[in-house]
């Protein structure tokens, strides 16, 4: 009998140990501030190859903002100079210097709302003098409303929704987009229709009703999108994020919050194109005051969800849910044994560089005690030996010039886990091959490692149009990013020349003109009466390749030449003039 009891005990211990080993996450021993009413964001602000952390929230009644440097797994505080809670934090490069700056909203100890930008100067932070209005219980987020490479700001909350456009020097002006004002608001940029422009989604309380609306951006003019077969559910006090959940190449919506009757909802909307969205509601995940984040935690190529909030009902306890994406908008709840959190934040990020996303949770526990815990993904280790290999490098980089736009194209990449259509892409644009002073990728140029835990800046698009920059020569490159935020290397840079005079009859320095311009199969070249009849020219493609050298022709067959910008050099004077034409 004793032997049987020992054997049974051993079996139970063995089965429990096996079950414990299968749990997806284990709590780390990281020392972090214990916060509720919080927000968090991962970002490598010191360029040392691991993700650092920005946190805001409340310790008791005291608002706290911390920027924490990750030194091989140990967090060290960097000075911030402000303390906020009930808000949002997000990293971005506001001044094109390659360093991560911090955008934060919230209220201070006296209840005064603020929106601040903290400028990163060599790893230290200083206030950037941007006069944004303060918001509480709202959000501020970076995007590019006019495709000029500079980060603009979408701000929602405290009875306002505004877009502030960056002129490239850090001066911001409201563009008067005509969006409805909101309280208890969330907002996001999204290119929902893959036209290369950043559209706007907002959700919250208008004071006269609860709305969730999508606005299409047509070169700075915003028009509400008619959503079929039924409008988005009007929710407030929650969160909304966009991601390609079914790997079909467009962005789907995940939204959680509270409706007019104070009922919680958690809803997926599948983007079927042309403003049509199919609704998938998950009642088992319909928590109150929800907060969630999206990432592929198990490297199966599908984006999963981590969610916290309060279970509905009188005195309902907090909950933490992990929803595993199994495809076709079917999500299964995975057992984690992570305790419940509420009134906090969720952030995925590969804290220990093992190739798998770890999980940061902040908020209140079941005893209303503020709590912050970092849970490590048990699929990885600290040696970066990962079965999740990075995506391949995109190829076929080309540039097409249309009027005042430079349209950048590249070929699709591949990945062992994330399907090709589900990969996002991240471009960089600079005035030199290794620079990113026009459009920052928030990534290392040398090895492609990401400075933030996020999809690429063009989402799933394989093209990007650039406009509103000075005439000149530029270089662009692109990398692919999988659904677990692991990035591949950047492609070899592609040079291009941007010029708004390509649509004009330039060439007066040579005494010649081109027509039509832009042209297609033939270009007709005319000399002025005073021009030297023996003038010789060289026609150079934007890549530097010479396509013609000789006397000035009347009609030139360019049908087999590549599309793009051509510069004309006067060989008699050896000067590169402003003469140019575009083949489209």
Protein backbone atom coordinates (compact mmCIF):
# COMPACT_ATOMS: atom_id res chain seq x y z
CA UNK A 1 0.00 0.00 0.00
CA UNK A 2 2.84 2.38 0.86
CA UNK A 3 4.53 1.59 -2.43
CA UNK A 4 1.29 2.27 -4.31
CA UNK A 5 0.84 5.63 -2.53
CA UNK A 6 4.41 6.70 -3.39
CA UNK A 7 3.91 5.63 -7.01
CA UNK A 8 0.64 7.57 -7.23
CA UNK A 9 2.25 10.66 -5.69
CA UNK A 10 5.14 10.40 -8.17
CA UNK A 11 2.65 10.14 -11.04
CA UNK A 12 0.75 13.21 -9.90
CA UNK A 13 3.96 15.22 -9.47
CA UNK A 14 5.15 14.07 -12.91
CA UNK A 15 1.86 15.02 -14.57
CA UNK A 16 1.83 18.42 -12.84
CA UNK A 17 5.45 19.05 -13.84
CA UNK A 18 4.66 18.13 -17.43
CA UNK A 19 1.68 20.49 -17.40
CA UNK A 20 3.78 23.29 -15.91
CA UNK A 21 6.42 22.86 -18.60
CA UNK A 22 3.74 23.33 -21.24
CA UNK A 23 2.63 26.71 -19.88
CA UNK A 24 3.50 29.42 -22.39
CA UNK A 25 4.89 31.96 -19.89
CA UNK A 26 6.88 32.15 -16.68
CA UNK A 27 7.21 35.23 -14.44
CA UNK A 28 10.62 36.89 -14.54
CA UNK A 29 12.46 38.27 -11.53
CA UNK A 30 12.73 41.75 -13.06
CA UNK A 31 12.32 44.63 -10.64
CA UNK A 32 9.77 47.07 -12.07
CA UNK A 33 7.57 49.86 -10.64
CA UNK A 34 4.17 48.53 -9.57
CA UNK A 35 1.59 50.59 -11.51
CA UNK A 36 -2.12 50.80 -12.27
CA UNK A 37 -4.06 53.14 -14.60
CA UNK A 38 -1.04 52.57 -16.76
CA UNK A 39 0.44 52.52 -20.27
CA UNK A 40 3.62 50.91 -21.57
CA UNK A 41 5.79 50.73 -24.69
CA UNK A 42 8.94 48.78 -25.59
CA UNK A 43 11.70 50.61 -27.48
CA UNK A 44 15.50 50.42 -27.79
CA UNK A 45 16.22 54.08 -27.09
CA UNK A 46 19.95 53.54 -26.37
CA UNK A 47 20.74 51.43 -29.48
CA UNK A 48 22.36 48.60 -27.51
CA UNK A 49 20.34 45.84 -29.18
CA UNK A 50 17.74 45.11 -26.49
CA UNK A 51 14.32 46.61 -25.82
CA UNK A 52 14.05 49.28 -23.16
CA UNK A 53 10.75 50.28 -21.57
CA UNK A 54 8.55 53.35 -21.07
CA UNK A 55 5.91 53.15 -18.34
CA UNK A 56 3.30 55.54 -16.98
CA UNK A 57 0.76 54.87 -14.26
CA UNK A 58 -0.08 55.35 -10.61
CA UNK A 59 1.68 54.07 -7.50
CA UNK A 60 -1.17 54.52 -5.03
CA UNK A 61 -2.35 58.08 -5.67
CA UNK A 62 0.92 59.23 -7.19
CA UNK A 63 1.35 59.40 -10.98
CA UNK A 64 4.64 57.97 -12.22
CA UNK A 65 6.46 57.99 -15.55
CA UNK A 66 9.57 55.88 -15.95
CA UNK A 67 11.95 55.37 -18.84
CA UNK A 68 13.85 52.18 -18.00
CA UNK A 69 17.04 51.11 -19.75
CA UNK A 70 17.40 47.35 -20.27
CA UNK A 71 21.00 46.38 -19.49
CA UNK A 72 21.18 42.67 -20.28
CA UNK A 73 17.94 42.04 -18.41
CA UNK A 74 18.40 44.56 -15.59
CA UNK A 75 16.31 47.73 -15.73
CA UNK A 76 17.93 51.04 -14.81
CA UNK A 77 15.96 54.28 -14.61
CA UNK A 78 16.67 57.16 -16.97
CA UNK A 79 15.49 60.63 -15.95
CA UNK A 80 12.16 61.77 -17.41
CA UNK A 81 11.17 65.01 -15.68
CA UNK A 82 7.40 64.40 -15.71
CA UNK A 83 4.86 62.07 -14.08
CA UNK A 84 1.52 61.13 -15.67
CA UNK A 85 -1.18 58.45 -15.55
CA UNK A 86 -4.52 57.73 -17.30
CA UNK A 87 -2.87 58.14 -20.70
CA UNK A 88 -0.70 56.63 -23.42
CA UNK A 89 2.96 56.32 -24.41
CA UNK A 90 4.49 55.67 -27.83
CA UNK A 91 7.99 55.75 -29.32
CA UNK A 92 8.91 57.49 -32.59
CA UNK A 93 11.68 59.49 -34.24
CA UNK A 94 10.28 63.00 -34.39
CA UNK A 95 13.40 64.80 -35.68
CA UNK A 96 15.01 62.29 -38.09
CA UNK A 97 18.12 61.75 -35.96
CA UNK A 98 17.67 57.96 -35.65
CA UNK A 99 16.94 58.09 -31.92
CA UNK A 100 13.62 57.11 -30.32
CA UNK A 101 11.66 60.01 -28.84
CA UNK A 102 8.67 59.52 -26.52
CA UNK A 103 5.12 60.81 -27.00
CA UNK A 104 3.07 60.68 -23.79
CA UNK A 105 -0.37 61.77 -22.61
CA UNK A 106 -2.12 61.75 -19.23
CA UNK A 107 -2.85 63.79 -16.13
CA UNK A 108 -0.58 64.89 -13.32
CA UNK A 109 -1.24 64.67 -9.57
CA UNK A 110 -3.56 67.69 -9.64
CA UNK A 111 -5.64 66.33 -12.53
CA UNK A 112 -4.23 68.67 -15.20
CA UNK A 113 -3.97 66.91 -18.60
CA UNK A 114 -0.79 67.01 -20.67
CA UNK A 115 0.59 65.83 -23.99
CA UNK A 116 4.37 65.81 -24.01
CA UNK A 117 7.17 64.87 -26.35
CA UNK A 118 10.43 63.86 -24.69
CA UNK A 119 13.33 64.29 -27.09
CA UNK A 120 16.06 61.65 -26.97
CA UNK A 121 19.47 63.32 -27.02
CA UNK A 122 22.15 60.64 -26.88
CA UNK A 123 20.15 58.48 -24.47
CA UNK A 124 19.03 61.36 -22.23
CA UNK A 125 15.60 62.95 -22.45
CA UNK A 126 14.57 66.59 -22.59
CA UNK A 127 11.26 68.35 -23.19
CA UNK A 128 10.58 69.15 -26.83
CA UNK A 129 8.69 72.42 -27.10
CA UNK A 130 5.59 71.20 -28.94
CA UNK A 131 2.34 72.98 -27.94
CA UNK A 132 -0.01 70.01 -28.10
CA UNK A 133 -3.18 70.32 -25.99
CA UNK A 134 -3.31 67.97 -23.02
CA UNK A 135 -5.65 64.98 -22.97
CA UNK A 136 -6.73 62.56 -20.27
CA UNK A 137 -8.25 59.11 -20.75
CA UNK A 138 -7.24 59.42 -24.39
CA UNK A 139 -4.41 58.66 -26.78
CA UNK A 140 -1.74 60.22 -28.98
CA UNK A 141 -0.13 58.27 -31.80
CA UNK A 142 2.47 58.88 -34.51
CA UNK A 143 1.72 58.58 -38.24
CA UNK A 144 2.45 60.26 -41.57
CA UNK A 145 -0.64 62.00 -42.90
CA UNK A 146 0.98 63.49 -46.02
CA UNK A 147 3.69 60.93 -46.94
CA UNK A 148 6.60 63.31 -46.55
CA UNK A 149 8.52 61.00 -44.19
CA UNK A 150 8.02 63.16 -41.08
CA UNK A 151 5.98 61.90 -38.14
CA UNK A 152 2.67 63.65 -37.58
CA UNK A 153 0.46 63.22 -34.50
CA UNK A 154 -3.14 62.05 -34.13
CA UNK A 155 -4.53 63.15 -30.76
CA UNK A 156 -7.87 62.11 -29.23
CA UNK A 157 -9.49 62.70 -25.84
CA UNK A 158 -10.67 65.50 -23.54
CA UNK A 159 -13.40 66.46 -26.04
CA UNK A 160 -11.11 66.74 -29.06
CA UNK A 161 -9.72 64.80 -32.02
CA UNK A 162 -6.99 66.57 -33.96
CA UNK A 163 -4.23 65.88 -36.45
CA UNK A 164 -1.00 67.84 -36.11
CA UNK A 165 1.22 67.91 -39.18
CA UNK A 166 5.01 68.03 -38.81
CA UNK A 167 6.68 70.36 -41.32
CA UNK A 168 9.88 68.29 -41.08
CA UNK A 169 11.61 70.56 -38.59
CA UNK A 170 9.49 69.66 -35.56
CA UNK A 171 6.96 72.48 -36.00
CA UNK A 172 3.40 71.12 -35.80
CA UNK A 173 0.19 72.68 -37.07
CA UNK A 174 -3.38 71.38 -36.90
CA UNK A 175 -4.73 70.52 -40.37
CA UNK A 176 -8.38 70.98 -39.33
CA UNK A 177 -9.39 67.51 -40.45
CA UNK A 178 -13.01 67.94 -39.30
CA UNK A 179 -13.07 64.82 -37.11
CA UNK A 180 -15.69 64.60 -34.30
CA UNK A 181 -14.52 65.42 -30.78
CA UNK A 182 -14.37 62.56 -28.27
CA UNK A 183 -13.92 61.69 -24.63
CA UNK A 184 -12.71 58.30 -23.32
CA UNK A 185 -11.14 57.98 -26.75
CA UNK A 186 -8.85 55.68 -28.70
CA UNK A 187 -7.39 56.45 -32.10
CA UNK A 188 -5.12 54.84 -34.67
CA UNK A 189 -3.65 55.31 -38.12
CA UNK A 190 -4.36 52.57 -40.66
CA UNK A 191 -4.12 52.17 -44.42
CA UNK A 192 -7.31 50.12 -44.55
CA UNK A 193 -7.64 50.21 -48.37
CA UNK A 194 -3.96 49.78 -49.34
CA UNK A 195 -3.79 53.04 -51.28
CA UNK A 196 -0.59 54.13 -49.55
CA UNK A 197 -2.21 56.83 -47.41
CA UNK A 198 -2.73 56.78 -43.64
CA UNK A 199 -6.43 56.71 -42.80
CA UNK A 200 -7.82 57.42 -39.33
CA UNK A 201 -9.89 55.29 -36.95
CA UNK A 202 -11.43 56.80 -33.80
CA UNK A 203 -13.70 55.44 -31.07
CA UNK A 204 -15.18 57.01 -27.97
CA UNK A 205 -17.88 59.19 -26.42
CA UNK A 206 -19.07 62.28 -28.33
CA UNK A 207 -21.10 63.50 -25.36
CA UNK A 208 -24.24 62.64 -27.32
CA UNK A 209 -23.47 59.03 -28.18
CA UNK A 210 -20.82 56.35 -28.55
CA UNK A 211 -19.13 56.00 -31.94
CA UNK A 212 -16.47 53.96 -33.73
CA UNK A 213 -15.67 55.42 -37.14
CA UNK A 214 -13.16 55.09 -39.97
CA UNK A 215 -12.12 58.08 -42.09
CA UNK A 216 -10.42 57.75 -45.47
CA UNK A 217 -7.47 60.03 -46.14
CA UNK A 218 -7.45 61.50 -49.65
CA UNK A 219 -4.36 63.74 -49.64
CA UNK A 220 -5.29 65.37 -46.33
CA UNK A 221 -9.06 65.44 -46.85
CA UNK A 222 -10.87 63.01 -44.55
CA UNK A 223 -14.20 61.40 -45.45
CA UNK A 224 -16.15 58.96 -43.28
CA UNK A 225 -16.16 55.44 -44.71
CA UNK A 226 -19.55 53.75 -44.97
CA UNK A 227 -19.05 50.39 -43.27
CA UNK A 228 -21.13 47.49 -44.56
CA UNK A 229 -23.08 45.35 -43.82
CA UNK A 230 -23.38 47.19 -40.49
CA UNK A 231 -21.45 50.03 -38.82
CA UNK A 232 -18.69 49.34 -36.33
CA UNK A 233 -19.98 48.90 -32.77
CA UNK A 234 -19.79 52.14 -30.83
CA UNK A 235 -17.49 51.55 -27.84
CA UNK A 236 -15.55 53.63 -25.32
CA UNK A 237 -13.15 53.09 -22.44
CA UNK A 238 -11.22 50.35 -24.20
CA UNK A 239 -8.82 49.92 -27.06
CA UNK A 240 -8.64 49.40 -30.83
CA UNK A 241 -5.80 48.02 -32.95
CA UNK A 242 -5.36 47.07 -36.59
CA UNK A 243 -3.44 44.03 -37.87
CA UNK A 244 -3.62 41.45 -40.65
CA UNK A 245 -5.21 38.64 -38.66
CA UNK A 246 -5.87 36.32 -41.62
CA UNK A 247 -2.68 37.02 -43.63
CA UNK A 248 -4.56 38.17 -46.72
CA UNK A 249 -2.64 41.43 -47.15
CA UNK A 250 -5.06 43.94 -45.61
CA UNK A 251 -5.62 45.29 -42.12
CA UNK A 252 -8.36 43.90 -39.87
CA UNK A 253 -9.75 45.61 -36.77
CA UNK A 254 -9.73 44.42 -33.17
CA UNK A 255 -11.79 46.55 -30.82
CA UNK A 256 -12.75 46.16 -27.17
CA UNK A 257 -14.68 48.42 -24.84
CA UNK A 258 -17.99 49.33 -23.27
CA UNK A 259 -21.22 50.20 -25.06
CA UNK A 260 -23.96 52.67 -24.17
CA UNK A 261 -25.53 50.13 -21.79
CA UNK A 262 -22.22 49.56 -19.95
CA UNK A 263 -21.83 46.10 -21.40
CA UNK A 264 -18.38 44.91 -22.40
CA UNK A 265 -17.53 43.74 -25.93
CA UNK A 266 -14.55 42.16 -27.68
CA UNK A 267 -14.91 42.13 -31.47
CA UNK A 268 -12.87 41.21 -34.53
CA UNK A 269 -13.77 42.83 -37.85
CA UNK A 270 -12.43 41.08 -40.95
CA UNK A 271 -11.56 43.51 -43.74
CA UNK A 272 -13.20 42.20 -46.93
CA UNK A 273 -12.39 45.28 -49.04
CA UNK A 274 -14.41 48.25 -50.30
CA UNK A 275 -15.53 49.20 -46.80
CA UNK A 276 -17.03 45.78 -46.08
CA UNK A 277 -16.17 44.22 -42.72
CA UNK A 278 -17.37 40.90 -41.31
CA UNK A 279 -17.98 40.89 -37.55
CA UNK A 280 -16.74 38.17 -35.17
CA UNK A 281 -17.67 38.81 -31.54
CA UNK A 282 -16.17 36.78 -28.69
CA UNK A 283 -18.45 37.01 -25.62
CA UNK A 284 -15.99 35.01 -23.48
CA UNK A 285 -13.47 37.84 -23.93
CA UNK A 286 -15.97 40.67 -23.34
CA UNK A 287 -14.33 42.28 -20.31
CA UNK A 288 -14.94 45.71 -18.82
CA UNK A 289 -12.17 48.34 -19.07
CA UNK A 290 -10.24 46.05 -21.44
CA UNK A 291 -6.70 46.51 -22.67
CA UNK A 292 -4.95 44.22 -25.14
CA UNK A 293 -1.99 43.83 -27.45
CA UNK A 294 -1.39 41.83 -30.65
CA UNK A 295 1.59 39.64 -31.63
CA UNK A 296 2.44 36.15 -32.83
CA UNK A 297 3.67 34.75 -29.51
CA UNK A 298 4.17 31.14 -30.70
CA UNK A 299 5.77 31.79 -34.11
CA UNK A 300 3.09 29.97 -36.10
CA UNK A 301 2.62 32.95 -38.43
CA UNK A 302 -0.75 34.03 -36.96
CA UNK A 303 -1.29 37.07 -34.74
CA UNK A 304 -2.55 36.26 -31.23
CA UNK A 305 -4.12 38.42 -28.49
CA UNK A 306 -3.26 39.06 -24.84
CA UNK A 307 -6.12 40.75 -22.97
CA UNK A 308 -6.78 42.05 -19.45
CA UNK A 309 -9.87 43.56 -17.82
CA UNK A 310 -12.69 42.97 -15.37
CA UNK A 311 -15.19 40.14 -15.65
CA UNK A 312 -18.71 41.68 -15.84
CA UNK A 313 -20.89 41.47 -12.76
CA UNK A 314 -21.09 42.96 -9.31
CA UNK A 315 -17.61 42.81 -7.83
CA UNK A 316 -16.30 40.94 -10.85
CA UNK A 317 -12.65 39.86 -10.53
CA UNK A 318 -9.86 40.85 -12.92
CA UNK A 319 -8.91 38.49 -15.73
CA UNK A 320 -5.98 37.83 -18.04
CA UNK A 321 -6.69 35.98 -21.29
CA UNK A 322 -4.45 34.62 -24.03
CA UNK A 323 -6.35 34.10 -27.29
CA UNK A 324 -4.51 31.88 -29.75
CA UNK A 325 -5.25 32.49 -33.42
CA UNK A 326 -5.93 29.20 -35.19
CA UNK A 327 -6.92 30.77 -38.51
CA UNK A 328 -10.18 31.87 -40.16
CA UNK A 329 -10.89 34.19 -37.20
CA UNK A 330 -11.15 31.30 -34.76
CA UNK A 331 -9.39 32.06 -31.46
CA UNK A 332 -8.93 29.56 -28.64
CA UNK A 333 -8.32 30.52 -25.01
CA UNK A 334 -4.96 29.16 -23.83
CA UNK A 335 -4.32 28.30 -20.18
CA UNK A 336 -1.48 30.40 -18.76
CA UNK A 337 -2.10 30.41 -14.95
CA UNK A 338 -1.31 34.16 -15.10
CA UNK A 339 -3.38 35.96 -12.46
CA UNK A 340 -5.96 38.55 -13.41
CA UNK A 341 -5.08 42.19 -14.10
CA UNK A 342 -7.37 45.19 -14.55
CA UNK A 343 -7.05 48.96 -15.11
CA UNK A 344 -3.65 48.50 -16.68
CA UNK A 345 -1.79 47.77 -19.88
CA UNK A 346 -0.48 44.89 -22.02
CA UNK A 347 2.66 45.01 -24.18
CA UNK A 348 4.33 42.31 -26.25
CA UNK A 349 8.11 42.59 -26.73
CA UNK A 350 11.15 40.32 -26.98
CA UNK A 351 12.81 41.53 -23.79
CA UNK A 352 15.63 38.93 -23.72
CA UNK A 353 16.40 38.65 -27.46
CA UNK A 354 15.56 34.96 -27.78
CA UNK A 355 13.35 35.43 -30.82
CA UNK A 356 9.97 35.13 -29.05
CA UNK A 357 7.67 37.86 -27.72
CA UNK A 358 7.50 38.19 -23.94
CA UNK A 359 4.50 39.68 -22.13
CA UNK A 360 4.45 42.75 -19.87
CA UNK A 361 1.35 43.22 -17.71
CA UNK A 362 0.54 46.19 -15.49
CA UNK A 363 -2.58 47.05 -13.47
CA UNK A 364 -4.41 46.07 -10.31
CA UNK A 365 -4.70 42.53 -9.03
CA UNK A 366 -7.75 40.93 -7.38
CA UNK A 367 -6.98 42.79 -4.13
CA UNK A 368 -6.78 46.20 -5.89
CA UNK A 369 -3.01 46.32 -5.40
CA UNK A 370 -0.96 47.86 -8.26
CA UNK A 371 1.17 45.24 -9.95
CA UNK A 372 3.67 45.02 -12.82
CA UNK A 373 5.06 41.68 -14.00
CA UNK A 374 7.14 40.63 -16.98
CA UNK A 375 6.29 37.12 -18.19
CA UNK A 376 8.93 35.34 -20.27
CA UNK A 377 7.94 33.29 -23.28
CA UNK A 378 8.84 29.66 -22.53
CA UNK A 379 9.31 28.87 -26.23
CA UNK A 380 12.60 30.77 -26.20
CA UNK A 381 15.77 31.07 -24.18
CA UNK A 382 18.39 33.75 -23.64
CA UNK A 383 20.88 32.49 -26.23
CA UNK A 384 18.84 33.61 -29.24
CA UNK A 385 18.67 30.09 -30.58
CA UNK A 386 15.24 30.34 -32.14
CA UNK A 387 13.26 28.28 -34.58
CA UNK A 388 11.67 31.54 -35.68
CA UNK A 389 14.05 32.56 -38.45
CA UNK A 390 13.89 36.12 -39.82
CA UNK A 391 12.16 36.86 -43.13
CA UNK A 392 14.17 37.00 -46.34
CA UNK A 393 15.32 40.30 -47.81
CA UNK A 394 12.93 41.96 -50.28
CA UNK A 395 14.22 42.40 -53.83
CA UNK A 396 13.36 44.24 -57.07
CA UNK A 397 13.54 47.75 -55.60
CA UNK A 398 12.36 50.30 -58.19
CA UNK A 399 11.08 53.87 -58.28
CA UNK A 400 8.39 55.37 -60.50
CA UNK A 401 7.98 59.15 -60.74
CA UNK A 402 4.48 60.55 -61.24
CA UNK A 403 4.00 64.30 -61.19
CA UNK A 404 5.12 65.31 -57.68
CA UNK A 405 5.26 61.72 -56.29
CA UNK A 406 8.06 59.21 -56.07
CA UNK A 407 6.45 55.76 -55.86
CA UNK A 408 8.78 53.21 -54.27
CA UNK A 409 8.22 49.55 -55.16
CA UNK A 410 9.73 46.28 -53.94
CA UNK A 411 9.11 42.56 -54.27
CA UNK A 412 7.57 40.37 -51.60
CA UNK A 413 9.81 38.60 -49.08
CA UNK A 414 9.42 35.08 -47.66
CA UNK A 415 9.35 33.60 -44.18
CA UNK A 416 9.32 30.10 -42.70
CA UNK A 417 6.37 30.86 -40.39
CA UNK A 418 4.46 33.97 -41.46
CA UNK A 419 2.79 33.59 -44.90
CA UNK A 420 4.05 35.95 -47.58
CA UNK A 421 0.88 38.05 -47.61
CA UNK A 422 1.05 38.47 -43.84
CA UNK A 423 4.52 40.01 -43.71
CA UNK A 424 4.78 43.73 -43.05
CA UNK A 425 7.45 45.95 -44.57
CA UNK A 426 9.60 48.69 -43.16
CA UNK A 427 11.27 51.28 -45.38
CA UNK A 428 13.96 53.85 -44.79
CA UNK A 429 14.73 56.87 -46.96
CA UNK A 430 17.78 59.10 -46.76
CA UNK A 431 19.98 61.55 -48.61
CA UNK A 432 22.88 59.06 -48.44
CA UNK A 433 22.86 55.24 -48.89
CA UNK A 434 23.22 54.58 -45.14
CA UNK A 435 21.09 57.49 -43.90
CA UNK A 436 17.45 57.54 -42.79
CA UNK A 437 17.12 61.31 -42.46
CA UNK A 438 13.96 61.50 -44.60
CA UNK A 439 12.02 58.49 -43.23
CA UNK A 440 13.19 56.60 -40.17
CA UNK A 441 12.55 52.83 -40.04
CA UNK A 442 12.95 52.68 -36.23
CA UNK A 443 15.46 49.90 -36.93
CA UNK A 444 19.21 49.37 -37.14
CA UNK A 445 20.53 49.96 -40.65
CA UNK A 446 23.43 47.53 -40.13
CA UNK A 447 21.57 44.36 -39.12
CA UNK A 448 17.89 45.30 -39.42
CA UNK A 449 17.07 44.77 -35.73
CA UNK A 450 13.97 46.69 -34.67
CA UNK A 451 14.03 49.50 -32.13
CA UNK A 452 10.32 48.95 -31.38
CA UNK A 453 8.02 45.94 -31.10
CA UNK A 454 5.69 46.76 -33.99
CA UNK A 455 4.84 45.99 -37.60
CA UNK A 456 6.63 47.88 -40.37
CA UNK A 457 5.81 51.44 -41.37
CA UNK A 458 4.10 50.43 -44.65
CA UNK A 459 2.18 47.54 -43.00
CA UNK A 460 1.63 44.84 -45.66
CA UNK A 461 1.99 47.18 -48.65
CA UNK A 462 4.81 46.53 -51.15
CA UNK A 463 4.87 50.13 -52.34
CA UNK A 464 5.03 53.58 -50.77
CA UNK A 465 4.66 57.01 -52.29
CA UNK A 466 6.75 59.95 -51.14
CA UNK A 467 5.93 63.59 -51.75
CA UNK A 468 6.60 67.08 -50.44
CA UNK A 469 10.38 66.75 -50.07
CA UNK A 470 13.08 69.00 -51.59
CA UNK A 471 14.31 68.22 -55.09
CA UNK A 472 17.39 66.04 -54.94
CA UNK A 473 18.90 62.58 -54.98
CA UNK A 474 17.69 60.03 -52.41
CA UNK A 475 18.13 56.39 -51.44
CA UNK A 476 15.58 53.94 -50.10
CA UNK A 477 15.75 50.45 -48.69
CA UNK A 478 13.25 48.03 -47.17
CA UNK A 479 13.11 45.07 -44.79
CA UNK A 480 10.41 42.50 -44.02
CA UNK A 481 8.98 41.87 -40.53
CA UNK A 482 7.09 38.77 -39.39
CA UNK A 483 4.06 38.68 -37.12
CA UNK A 484 6.28 38.13 -34.09
CA UNK A 485 8.10 41.39 -34.91
CA UNK A 486 11.28 39.64 -35.96
CA UNK A 487 12.92 41.60 -38.78
CA UNK A 488 15.06 40.61 -41.74
CA UNK A 489 17.97 42.58 -43.16
CA UNK A 490 17.59 45.67 -45.31
CA UNK A 491 17.92 45.37 -49.08
CA UNK A 492 20.70 47.15 -50.95
CA UNK A 493 19.68 50.82 -51.28
CA UNK A 494 18.02 52.03 -54.47
CA UNK A 495 18.95 55.53 -55.64
CA UNK A 496 16.37 57.87 -57.16
CA UNK A 497 16.07 61.55 -58.01
CA UNK A 498 13.02 63.48 -56.86
CA UNK A 499 11.96 66.57 -58.77
CA UNK A 500 8.69 68.40 -59.14
CA UNK A 501 10.02 70.07 -62.33
CA UNK A 502 9.81 66.73 -64.16
CA UNK A 503 6.32 67.73 -65.32
CA UNK A 504 7.62 70.94 -66.86
CA UNK A 505 9.63 71.62 -69.99
CA UNK A 506 12.93 72.05 -68.24
CA UNK A 507 16.16 72.32 -70.21
CA UNK A 508 16.59 76.02 -70.85
CA UNK A 509 20.24 75.77 -69.82
CA UNK A 510 20.82 73.56 -72.85
CA UNK A 511 18.52 75.50 -75.13
CA UNK A 512 16.33 72.40 -75.59
CA UNK A 513 12.91 71.21 -74.54
CA UNK A 514 11.20 67.82 -74.23
CA UNK A 515 7.70 66.82 -75.22
CA UNK A 516 5.63 65.19 -74.05
CA UNK A 517 6.96 65.30 -70.51
CA UNK A 518 6.28 62.88 -68.85
CA UNK A 519 6.67 60.66 -71.92
CA UNK A 520 6.22 56.97 -72.71
CA UNK A 521 7.63 55.38 -75.89
CA UNK A 522 9.16 58.43 -77.62
CA UNK A 523 10.42 61.82 -76.52
CA UNK A 524 10.72 64.71 -78.99
CA UNK A 525 13.70 66.97 -78.34
CA UNK A 526 13.79 70.51 -79.73
CA UNK A 527 16.73 72.95 -79.72
CA UNK A 528 16.43 76.72 -79.58
CA UNK A 529 17.58 78.65 -82.64
CA UNK A 530 20.65 79.88 -80.77
CA UNK A 531 21.79 76.41 -79.71
CA UNK A 532 24.94 74.87 -81.16
CA UNK A 533 23.87 72.40 -83.87
CA UNK A 534 26.85 70.23 -82.90
CA UNK A 535 25.87 70.01 -79.25
CA UNK A 536 26.39 66.61 -77.74
CA UNK A 537 24.44 65.34 -74.75
CA UNK A 538 24.41 62.40 -72.42
CA UNK A 539 21.14 61.10 -70.97
CA UNK A 540 21.59 59.47 -67.57
CA UNK A 541 19.02 57.33 -65.73
CA UNK A 542 18.36 57.95 -62.01
CA UNK A 543 20.48 54.88 -61.16
CA UNK A 544 23.51 56.49 -62.87
CA UNK A 545 23.38 54.31 -66.00
CA UNK A 546 23.92 56.10 -69.34
CA UNK A 547 21.20 55.38 -71.94
CA UNK A 548 22.20 57.81 -74.70
CA UNK A 549 25.27 59.77 -75.76
CA UNK A 550 25.57 61.77 -78.99
CA UNK A 551 24.25 64.80 -80.82
CA UNK A 552 20.84 66.14 -79.85
CA UNK A 553 18.26 63.94 -81.65
CA UNK A 554 14.84 65.08 -82.83
CA UNK A 555 12.83 61.99 -81.81
CA UNK A 556 14.27 59.43 -79.46
CA UNK A 557 12.88 55.89 -79.06
CA UNK A 558 12.78 55.20 -75.32
CA UNK A 559 10.21 52.39 -75.40
CA UNK A 560 12.68 49.88 -73.95
CA UNK A 561 14.08 52.22 -71.32
CA UNK A 562 13.00 51.74 -67.68
CA UNK A 563 10.46 54.07 -66.10
CA UNK A 564 11.84 56.89 -64.03
CA UNK A 565 13.74 60.18 -64.10
CA UNK A 566 16.40 61.01 -66.72
CA UNK A 567 18.96 63.80 -66.35
CA UNK A 568 20.59 65.46 -69.37
CA UNK A 569 24.26 66.43 -69.33
CA UNK A 570 25.82 68.90 -71.78
CA UNK A 571 29.08 67.24 -72.83
CA UNK A 572 30.41 70.49 -74.28
CA UNK A 573 30.36 72.19 -70.88
CA UNK A 574 30.71 69.05 -68.73
CA UNK A 575 27.98 70.40 -66.44
CA UNK A 576 24.94 68.58 -65.18
CA UNK A 577 22.09 71.01 -65.80
CA UNK A 578 18.46 71.09 -64.67
CA UNK A 579 17.34 69.51 -67.98
CA UNK A 580 15.34 66.38 -67.21
CA UNK A 581 12.36 64.37 -68.30
CA UNK A 582 10.28 61.52 -66.90
CA UNK A 583 9.35 58.23 -68.58
CA UNK A 584 6.19 56.68 -67.18
